[in-house]
Amino acid sequence: MFAHRIVDFTGPDDVQWAEVDDPAAGGGVLIDVAAAGVSFADLLQTRGAYQMKVPLPYTPGMDAAGVVRSAPPGTGLAPGQRVAVLLDYGCWQEVVSAPAARVLPLPDGMSFEAGAAAPLNYLTALFALAGRAHAQPGDTLLVHGAAGGVGTAAIQLGRALGLRTLAVVSDKAKKDFALQCGAHHAVLSGGWLTAVRDLIGERAVDIVVDPVDGDRMTDSLRSLAPEGRLVVVGFTGGEIPTVKVNRLLLGNTSVLGAASREYFEQQPATLAALWAQLARLRRAGTLPDPPVEPYPFADARSALRAIADAKPRARSYSAGRRKFNLCGGTRPAPLRASVTRANTKPSARLISARKRRSPAAGRALKLVADCRRYLEPRQPGTQKGVKPQRAPGRAGGGVRGTVRQK
């Protein structure tokens, strides 16, 4: 089989397409890859700048989709089944061996491209919103980097969960894309705080999801309503900011980390539980599939360069039976009906779900509660109703995409 290999940390131009041995099952599930995800984290890996260090040489790629070739008994998986997979690395090859806990059944009607773009981005965004920020229908959500992989996922999930969504992006093309993906409002990053205040007033944001950080941290805190939450998902801006904690004290606000990869390693059962919640939102018609754009499977370099250039497009690549896909883009899939109204006036305030709850908002509230229940499993020896201790995690995440085989 063929695989992409990182042999030195010199960037996308030196990623090699080479023939390698097929992986042994080794007690895992063998999957014929049809599509593989491409992300900002993958770009960092080619430069040796990612927080997780892997010895050279190795095959990158954190998520993929394809067909089960073989599976151990008792896993609930069968040859020929369509699945997605989420790993730390190793998905950019024609055949993948994965632990059964990291293999996720593809929902009916979801393409391999969308299935490969979804695991890292959308599970990270759902973990950030439901697990860390405890989002509730009627909350106001602001997303930085809203045209990227995690940003797009956060916007679409925010709509699906009944939130009012505001996108912060760097140019007009990305602004248009964020609005097509479901943002109620979108503003440019230059002077974004003033623009947001003009739309909804001062200190009116309940949740900020930030995969960018850099110099936006202080203004993000200034935008928060009392008891607002800023969720740090990554550092695509390149700088890790510091927080003056007196701002948290005086504003009664919080800064939270959402390191999904670490959390899924510590709480493996939550991966399948969150994936099931995504499938339920998709079946309800409130969550569209990720928008993707294909690239040939052997041309990972072009997909990585597209991420490096920060182009506002979905990306994927394909050759023969396989394709890489990137999530995000100026040509998104058509949006389905969502819980909150698309024609909300800029100055309108959403009525609290407690005061006036539509059937759609009630369903969204139940889905949020389900997510939180799965994210807070009872530990052995704890009593019902006693909240278990959360494992610590580092902020992480990034822009994502996919790869497809035909």
Protein backbone atom coordinates (compact mmCIF):
# COMPACT_ATOMS: atom_id res chain seq x y z
CA MET A 1 0.00 0.00 0.00
CA PHE A 2 0.98 3.68 -0.20
CA ALA A 3 1.18 6.20 2.64
CA HIS A 4 2.28 9.76 3.28
CA ARG A 5 5.41 9.95 5.41
CA ILE A 6 6.96 12.74 7.43
CA VAL A 7 10.72 12.10 7.41
CA ASP A 8 11.86 15.54 8.57
CA PHE A 9 10.20 18.58 10.13
CA THR A 10 10.65 20.83 7.10
CA GLY A 11 7.04 21.57 6.19
CA PRO A 12 4.47 20.43 3.61
CA ASP A 13 6.85 20.41 0.63
CA ASP A 14 8.80 17.47 2.06
CA VAL A 15 5.86 15.15 2.89
CA GLN A 16 6.63 11.93 0.97
CA TRP A 17 4.23 9.58 -0.83
CA ALA A 18 5.83 6.15 -0.43
CA GLU A 19 5.07 2.45 -0.64
CA VAL A 20 4.96 0.75 2.77
CA ASP A 21 3.83 -2.58 4.22
CA ASP A 22 0.16 -3.10 5.07
CA PRO A 23 -0.48 -2.73 8.82
CA ALA A 24 -1.10 -5.83 10.91
CA ALA A 25 -4.47 -6.00 12.64
CA GLY A 26 -2.83 -6.55 16.03
CA GLY A 27 -6.18 -6.95 17.76
CA GLY A 28 -7.52 -3.81 16.12
CA VAL A 29 -9.94 -3.05 13.29
CA LEU A 30 -8.54 -2.99 9.74
CA ILE A 31 -10.10 -0.26 7.59
CA ASP A 32 -9.73 0.39 3.85
CA VAL A 33 -9.48 4.16 3.82
CA ALA A 34 -11.80 6.02 1.46
CA ALA A 35 -11.21 9.57 2.78
CA ALA A 36 -8.80 11.15 5.25
CA GLY A 37 -8.89 14.44 7.13
CA VAL A 38 -6.40 17.28 6.74
CA SER A 39 -6.04 19.82 9.55
CA PHE A 40 -4.04 22.70 10.94
CA ALA A 41 -2.64 20.21 13.45
CA ASP A 42 -1.32 18.14 10.53
CA LEU A 43 0.38 21.25 9.14
CA LEU A 44 2.03 21.84 12.51
CA GLN A 45 3.20 18.23 12.56
CA THR A 46 5.04 18.66 9.26
CA ARG A 47 6.96 21.51 10.91
CA GLY A 48 7.61 19.77 14.21
CA ALA A 49 5.55 22.44 15.98
CA TYR A 50 2.65 20.33 17.25
CA GLN A 51 2.28 19.75 20.99
CA MET A 52 2.34 15.95 20.56
CA LYS A 53 5.78 14.76 19.43
CA VAL A 54 6.02 11.58 17.33
CA PRO A 55 9.38 9.94 16.46
CA LEU A 56 10.41 10.22 12.80
CA PRO A 57 9.54 8.86 10.32
CA TYR A 58 5.79 8.43 10.66
CA THR A 59 2.45 8.72 8.84
CA PRO A 60 0.37 11.77 9.85
CA GLY A 61 -3.42 12.18 9.75
CA MET A 62 -5.85 12.17 12.67
CA ASP A 63 -9.16 11.15 11.11
CA ALA A 64 -10.41 9.12 8.17
CA ALA A 65 -13.41 7.27 6.82
CA GLY A 66 -13.69 4.01 4.95
CA VAL A 67 -14.89 0.41 5.02
CA VAL A 68 -14.09 -2.25 7.62
CA ARG A 69 -11.92 -5.03 6.20
CA SER A 70 -11.82 -7.08 9.41
CA ALA A 71 -12.78 -6.63 13.06
CA PRO A 72 -12.29 -8.71 16.22
CA PRO A 73 -15.37 -10.49 17.61
CA GLY A 74 -17.44 -8.58 20.14
CA THR A 75 -16.64 -5.11 18.78
CA GLY A 76 -20.02 -4.64 17.11
CA LEU A 77 -18.22 -3.98 13.81
CA ALA A 78 -18.43 -6.13 10.69
CA PRO A 79 -16.57 -6.38 7.37
CA GLY A 80 -18.08 -4.05 4.79
CA GLN A 81 -19.39 -1.58 7.38
CA ARG A 82 -18.90 2.13 6.66
CA VAL A 83 -17.02 3.84 9.49
CA ALA A 84 -15.02 6.88 10.54
CA VAL A 85 -11.89 6.69 12.70
CA LEU A 86 -10.14 9.16 15.02
CA LEU A 87 -6.48 8.57 15.91
CA ASP A 88 -3.51 10.58 17.16
CA TYR A 89 -1.78 10.03 13.81
CA GLY A 90 -1.47 7.43 11.04
CA CYS A 91 -4.62 8.01 8.91
CA TRP A 92 -2.92 9.20 5.72
CA GLN A 93 -2.50 5.74 4.24
CA GLU A 94 -4.54 3.30 2.23
CA VAL A 95 -5.20 0.86 5.09
CA VAL A 96 -5.47 1.76 8.78
CA SER A 97 -5.44 -0.42 11.91
CA ALA A 98 -7.36 1.21 14.77
CA PRO A 99 -8.58 0.27 18.26
CA ALA A 100 -12.28 -0.56 18.18
CA ALA A 101 -13.03 2.29 20.63
CA ARG A 102 -11.73 4.76 18.03
CA VAL A 103 -13.91 3.44 15.19
CA LEU A 104 -17.26 5.19 14.72
CA PRO A 105 -20.17 4.02 12.50
CA LEU A 106 -20.96 6.45 9.70
CA PRO A 107 -24.57 7.73 9.78
CA ASP A 108 -26.78 6.71 6.88
CA GLY A 109 -26.36 9.03 3.93
CA MET A 110 -23.13 10.65 5.15
CA SER A 111 -20.41 10.62 2.50
CA PHE A 112 -16.90 9.37 3.18
CA GLU A 113 -15.63 12.92 2.64
CA ALA A 114 -17.93 14.37 5.30
CA GLY A 115 -17.27 11.41 7.58
CA ALA A 116 -13.53 12.00 7.44
CA ALA A 117 -13.89 15.75 8.09
CA ALA A 118 -16.22 15.34 11.06
CA PRO A 119 -14.50 13.40 13.89
CA LEU A 120 -11.80 15.78 15.11
CA ASN A 121 -13.53 19.09 14.29
CA TYR A 122 -17.08 18.32 15.34
CA LEU A 123 -16.30 16.18 18.37
CA THR A 124 -13.92 18.90 19.58
CA ALA A 125 -16.55 21.60 19.06
CA LEU A 126 -19.29 19.57 20.77
CA PHE A 127 -16.96 18.80 23.69
CA ALA A 128 -16.16 22.53 23.97
CA LEU A 129 -19.78 23.69 23.84
CA ALA A 130 -21.63 20.99 25.77
CA GLY A 131 -18.91 19.54 27.96
CA ARG A 132 -16.83 22.56 28.95
CA ALA A 133 -19.05 25.64 28.40
CA HIS A 134 -22.34 23.89 29.38
CA ALA A 135 -24.15 25.70 26.55
CA GLN A 136 -27.92 26.13 26.87
CA PRO A 137 -30.49 27.04 24.19
CA GLY A 138 -30.77 30.81 24.01
CA ASP A 139 -27.10 31.44 24.88
CA THR A 140 -25.11 33.80 22.65
CA LEU A 141 -22.01 32.16 21.12
CA LEU A 142 -19.09 34.02 19.56
CA VAL A 143 -16.58 32.00 17.50
CA HIS A 144 -13.14 33.24 16.46
CA GLY A 145 -11.62 31.75 13.33
CA ALA A 146 -15.15 30.84 12.27
CA ALA A 147 -14.18 29.89 8.69
CA GLY A 148 -11.71 27.23 9.85
CA GLY A 149 -12.44 23.60 10.64
CA VAL A 150 -13.20 23.86 14.36
CA GLY A 151 -14.76 27.30 13.85
CA THR A 152 -17.15 26.01 11.18
CA ALA A 153 -18.07 23.08 13.40
CA ALA A 154 -18.74 25.39 16.36
CA ILE A 155 -21.00 27.64 14.27
CA GLN A 156 -23.01 24.73 12.87
CA LEU A 157 -23.28 23.00 16.23
CA GLY A 158 -24.22 26.26 17.92
CA ARG A 159 -27.17 26.63 15.55
CA ALA A 160 -28.13 22.98 16.06
CA LEU A 161 -28.10 23.44 19.87
CA GLY A 162 -30.28 26.56 19.77
CA LEU A 163 -27.62 29.24 20.29
CA ARG A 164 -27.37 32.69 18.71
CA THR A 165 -24.11 32.57 16.75
CA LEU A 166 -21.63 35.34 15.91
CA ALA A 167 -18.64 34.63 13.66
CA VAL A 168 -15.35 36.54 13.75
CA VAL A 169 -13.28 36.14 10.56
CA SER A 170 -10.39 37.89 8.82
CA ASP A 171 -11.83 38.85 5.39
CA LYS A 172 -14.99 39.28 3.33
CA ALA A 173 -14.83 35.85 1.66
CA LYS A 174 -14.64 34.14 5.05
CA LYS A 175 -17.45 36.34 6.35
CA ASP A 176 -19.70 35.21 3.50
CA PHE A 177 -18.73 31.60 4.12
CA ALA A 178 -19.49 31.80 7.85
CA LEU A 179 -22.93 33.22 7.12
CA GLN A 180 -23.61 30.43 4.61
CA CYS A 181 -22.62 27.91 7.29
CA GLY A 182 -25.27 29.24 9.65
CA ALA A 183 -23.84 32.17 11.61
CA HIS A 184 -26.56 34.66 12.53
CA HIS A 185 -24.01 37.48 12.26
CA ALA A 186 -20.41 37.74 11.06
CA VAL A 187 -17.87 40.51 11.66
CA LEU A 188 -14.30 41.12 10.54
CA SER A 189 -11.51 40.60 13.06
CA GLY A 190 -10.28 44.18 12.74
CA GLY A 191 -12.31 46.05 15.34
CA TRP A 192 -14.46 43.01 16.02
CA LEU A 193 -15.36 43.95 19.61
CA THR A 194 -16.89 47.29 18.56
CA ALA A 195 -18.82 45.56 15.77
CA VAL A 196 -20.17 42.93 18.17
CA ARG A 197 -21.23 45.59 20.68
CA ASP A 198 -23.06 47.43 17.92
CA LEU A 199 -24.97 44.25 17.12
CA ILE A 200 -25.90 42.94 20.56
CA GLY A 201 -24.71 45.44 23.16
CA GLU A 202 -21.91 45.41 25.72
CA ARG A 203 -21.06 42.30 27.72
CA ALA A 204 -23.75 40.24 25.99
CA VAL A 205 -21.76 37.15 24.91
CA ASP A 206 -22.32 34.02 27.00
CA ILE A 207 -19.69 31.78 25.34
CA VAL A 208 -16.57 32.50 23.30
CA VAL A 209 -14.95 29.58 21.44
CA ASP A 210 -11.42 30.55 20.45
CA PRO A 211 -9.08 28.38 18.37
CA VAL A 212 -7.00 31.48 17.47
CA ASP A 213 -6.06 33.32 20.70
CA GLY A 214 -3.02 35.57 20.25
CA ASP A 215 -4.00 39.20 20.99
CA ARG A 216 -7.77 38.49 21.11
CA MET A 217 -7.91 37.19 24.67
CA THR A 218 -8.43 40.52 26.46
CA ASP A 219 -11.21 41.73 24.16
CA SER A 220 -12.85 38.30 24.32
CA LEU A 221 -13.04 38.66 28.10
CA ARG A 222 -14.44 42.16 27.70
CA SER A 223 -17.24 40.81 25.51
CA LEU A 224 -18.45 38.26 28.08
CA ALA A 225 -21.66 38.65 30.04
CA PRO A 226 -21.52 37.96 33.80
CA GLU A 227 -20.82 34.23 34.28
CA GLY A 228 -19.69 34.06 30.65
CA ARG A 229 -17.20 31.39 29.54
CA LEU A 230 -14.22 31.68 27.20
CA VAL A 231 -13.21 28.25 25.86
CA VAL A 232 -9.65 27.94 24.54
CA VAL A 233 -9.43 25.33 21.78
CA GLY A 234 -6.07 26.09 20.17
CA PHE A 235 -3.48 28.68 19.17
CA THR A 236 -3.58 29.05 15.39
CA GLY A 237 -2.61 32.70 15.88
CA GLY A 238 0.83 31.49 16.94
CA GLU A 239 0.99 33.16 20.36
CA ILE A 240 -0.13 31.74 23.70
CA PRO A 241 -1.69 34.66 25.61
CA THR A 242 -1.68 35.36 29.31
CA VAL A 243 -4.71 36.24 31.42
CA LYS A 244 -4.87 38.86 34.15
CA VAL A 245 -7.02 36.98 36.60
CA ASN A 246 -8.43 40.16 38.14
CA ARG A 247 -10.53 40.43 34.95
CA LEU A 248 -12.07 37.05 35.77
CA LEU A 249 -12.69 38.11 39.35
CA LEU A 250 -14.31 41.45 38.52
CA GLY A 251 -16.36 40.09 35.63
CA ASN A 252 -17.42 36.83 37.29
CA THR A 253 -16.21 35.06 34.13
CA SER A 254 -14.24 31.89 33.37
CA VAL A 255 -11.50 30.73 30.99
CA LEU A 256 -11.69 27.01 30.16
CA GLY A 257 -9.51 24.65 28.17
CA ALA A 258 -10.99 22.12 25.73
CA ALA A 259 -8.32 19.53 24.89
CA SER A 260 -10.48 16.88 23.29
CA ARG A 261 -7.68 14.48 22.34
CA GLU A 262 -6.44 14.26 25.91
CA TYR A 263 -9.95 13.97 27.30
CA PHE A 264 -10.87 11.13 24.94
CA GLU A 265 -7.75 9.27 26.06
CA GLN A 266 -8.76 9.70 29.70
CA GLN A 267 -12.49 8.99 29.16
CA PRO A 268 -12.64 6.67 26.09
CA ALA A 269 -16.39 6.02 26.33
CA THR A 270 -17.20 9.70 25.71
CA LEU A 271 -15.95 9.47 22.11
CA ALA A 272 -18.76 7.14 21.00
CA ALA A 273 -21.30 8.98 23.17
CA LEU A 274 -20.56 12.36 21.59
CA TRP A 275 -20.53 10.81 18.12
CA ALA A 276 -24.01 9.43 18.83
CA GLN A 277 -25.15 12.93 19.81
CA LEU A 278 -23.83 14.30 16.51
CA ALA A 279 -25.76 11.59 14.67
CA ARG A 280 -28.95 12.52 16.55
CA LEU A 281 -28.58 16.19 15.64
CA ARG A 282 -28.00 15.19 12.01
CA ARG A 283 -31.09 12.96 11.97
CA ALA A 284 -33.14 15.80 13.45
CA GLY A 285 -32.14 17.92 10.45
CA THR A 286 -30.50 20.63 12.58
CA LEU A 287 -26.84 19.76 11.85
CA PRO A 288 -25.59 19.81 8.23
CA ASP A 289 -22.64 17.71 7.11
CA PRO A 290 -19.22 19.42 7.02
CA PRO A 291 -18.53 21.35 3.82
CA VAL A 292 -15.49 19.86 2.07
CA GLU A 293 -13.42 20.30 -1.11
CA PRO A 294 -11.46 17.36 -2.57
CA TYR A 295 -7.77 17.05 -3.39
CA PRO A 296 -6.08 13.97 -4.92
CA PHE A 297 -4.99 11.52 -2.24
CA ALA A 298 -1.37 11.56 -3.43
CA ASP A 299 -1.29 15.38 -3.25
CA ALA A 300 -1.29 16.06 0.47
CA ARG A 301 1.14 18.91 -0.14
CA SER A 302 -1.46 21.04 -1.96
CA ALA A 303 -4.04 20.48 0.77
CA LEU A 304 -1.53 21.43 3.46
CA ARG A 305 -0.48 24.53 1.51
CA ALA A 306 -4.12 25.58 1.29
CA ILE A 307 -4.31 25.48 5.09
CA ALA A 308 -0.99 27.31 5.41
CA ASP A 309 -2.33 30.06 3.11
CA ALA A 310 -5.49 30.27 5.28
CA LYS A 311 -7.73 30.07 2.23
CA PRO A 312 -11.44 30.16 3.14
CA ARG A 313 -12.30 26.93 1.30
CA ALA A 314 -13.16 23.40 2.16
CA ARG A 315 -10.42 21.07 0.98
CA SER A 316 -10.03 17.37 0.21
CA TYR A 317 -7.90 15.32 -2.11
CA SER A 318 -8.56 12.15 -4.14
CA ALA A 319 -6.86 9.70 -6.47
CA GLY A 320 -8.06 6.29 -7.56
CA ARG A 321 -10.21 5.14 -4.65
CA ARG A 322 -8.97 7.70 -2.11
CA LYS A 323 -9.41 11.37 -1.38
CA PHE A 324 -8.27 14.00 1.14
CA ASN A 325 -10.94 16.50 2.24
CA LEU A 326 -10.59 19.70 4.24
CA CYS A 327 -13.47 21.05 6.31
CA GLY A 328 -14.53 24.66 5.75
CA GLY A 329 -14.89 26.59 2.49
CA THR A 330 -16.56 29.16 0.29
CA ARG A 331 -18.79 26.48 -1.28
CA PRO A 332 -20.48 24.80 1.70
CA ALA A 333 -23.10 22.09 1.52
CA PRO A 334 -26.70 23.42 1.64
CA LEU A 335 -27.74 24.17 5.21
CA ARG A 336 -30.67 22.27 6.69
CA ALA A 337 -33.30 23.68 8.99
CA SER A 338 -31.88 24.76 12.33
CA VAL A 339 -33.32 25.41 15.75
CA THR A 340 -32.84 29.18 15.91
CA ARG A 341 -34.36 31.57 13.41
CA ALA A 342 -32.17 32.70 10.51
CA ASN A 343 -33.85 36.12 10.33
CA THR A 344 -33.17 37.23 13.91
CA LYS A 345 -32.73 41.01 13.90
CA PRO A 346 -29.27 42.21 14.95
CA SER A 347 -30.62 44.09 17.94
CA ALA A 348 -33.07 41.42 19.04
CA ARG A 349 -32.37 39.61 22.31
CA LEU A 350 -33.21 35.95 22.47
CA ILE A 351 -35.85 35.11 25.05
CA SER A 352 -34.63 32.80 27.79
CA ALA A 353 -35.47 29.16 27.10
CA ARG A 354 -36.81 28.95 30.63
CA LYS A 355 -39.37 31.69 29.93
CA ARG A 356 -40.47 30.69 26.45
CA ARG A 357 -39.32 27.36 25.05
CA SER A 358 -40.36 26.13 21.61
CA PRO A 359 -40.51 22.37 20.90
CA ALA A 360 -37.28 22.71 18.89
CA ALA A 361 -35.54 24.48 21.76
CA GLY A 362 -36.78 21.79 24.13
CA ARG A 363 -35.23 19.10 21.93
CA ALA A 364 -31.96 21.04 21.81
CA LEU A 365 -32.00 21.37 25.61
CA LYS A 366 -32.40 17.60 25.96
CA LEU A 367 -29.49 16.98 23.57
CA VAL A 368 -27.28 19.34 25.57
CA ALA A 369 -28.24 17.55 28.77
CA ASP A 370 -27.44 14.19 27.16
CA CYS A 371 -24.01 15.44 26.10
CA ARG A 372 -23.24 16.72 29.59
CA ARG A 373 -24.36 13.44 31.14
CA TYR A 374 -22.04 11.46 28.87
CA LEU A 375 -19.17 13.84 29.58
CA GLU A 376 -19.56 13.46 33.35
CA PRO A 377 -19.57 9.69 33.91
CA ARG A 378 -19.87 8.34 37.43
CA GLN A 379 -16.61 7.07 38.80
CA PRO A 380 -16.46 3.84 40.77
CA GLY A 381 -17.43 4.42 44.39
CA THR A 382 -19.19 7.74 43.80
CA GLN A 383 -22.80 8.26 44.76
CA LYS A 384 -25.47 9.31 42.33
CA GLY A 385 -25.67 13.08 42.16
CA VAL A 386 -22.07 13.58 43.30
CA LYS A 387 -20.11 15.23 40.50
CA PRO A 388 -16.90 13.31 39.68
CA GLN A 389 -13.57 15.06 39.41
CA ARG A 390 -12.65 16.18 35.91
CA ALA A 391 -9.31 15.19 34.48
CA PRO A 392 -7.11 18.19 33.62
CA GLY A 393 -6.39 18.89 29.95
CA ARG A 394 -4.36 21.25 27.80
CA ALA A 395 -5.94 23.54 25.27
CA GLY A 396 -5.60 22.16 21.78
CA GLY A 397 -7.37 21.76 18.47
CA GLY A 398 -7.10 23.22 15.02
CA VAL A 399 -8.45 23.58 11.54
CA ARG A 400 -9.49 20.31 9.92
CA GLY A 401 -10.19 18.64 6.57
CA THR A 402 -10.46 15.15 4.87
CA VAL A 403 -9.08 12.66 2.18
CA ARG A 404 -11.18 10.40 -0.14
CA GLN A 405 -10.68 7.17 -2.09
CA LYS A 406 -12.89 6.01 -4.96
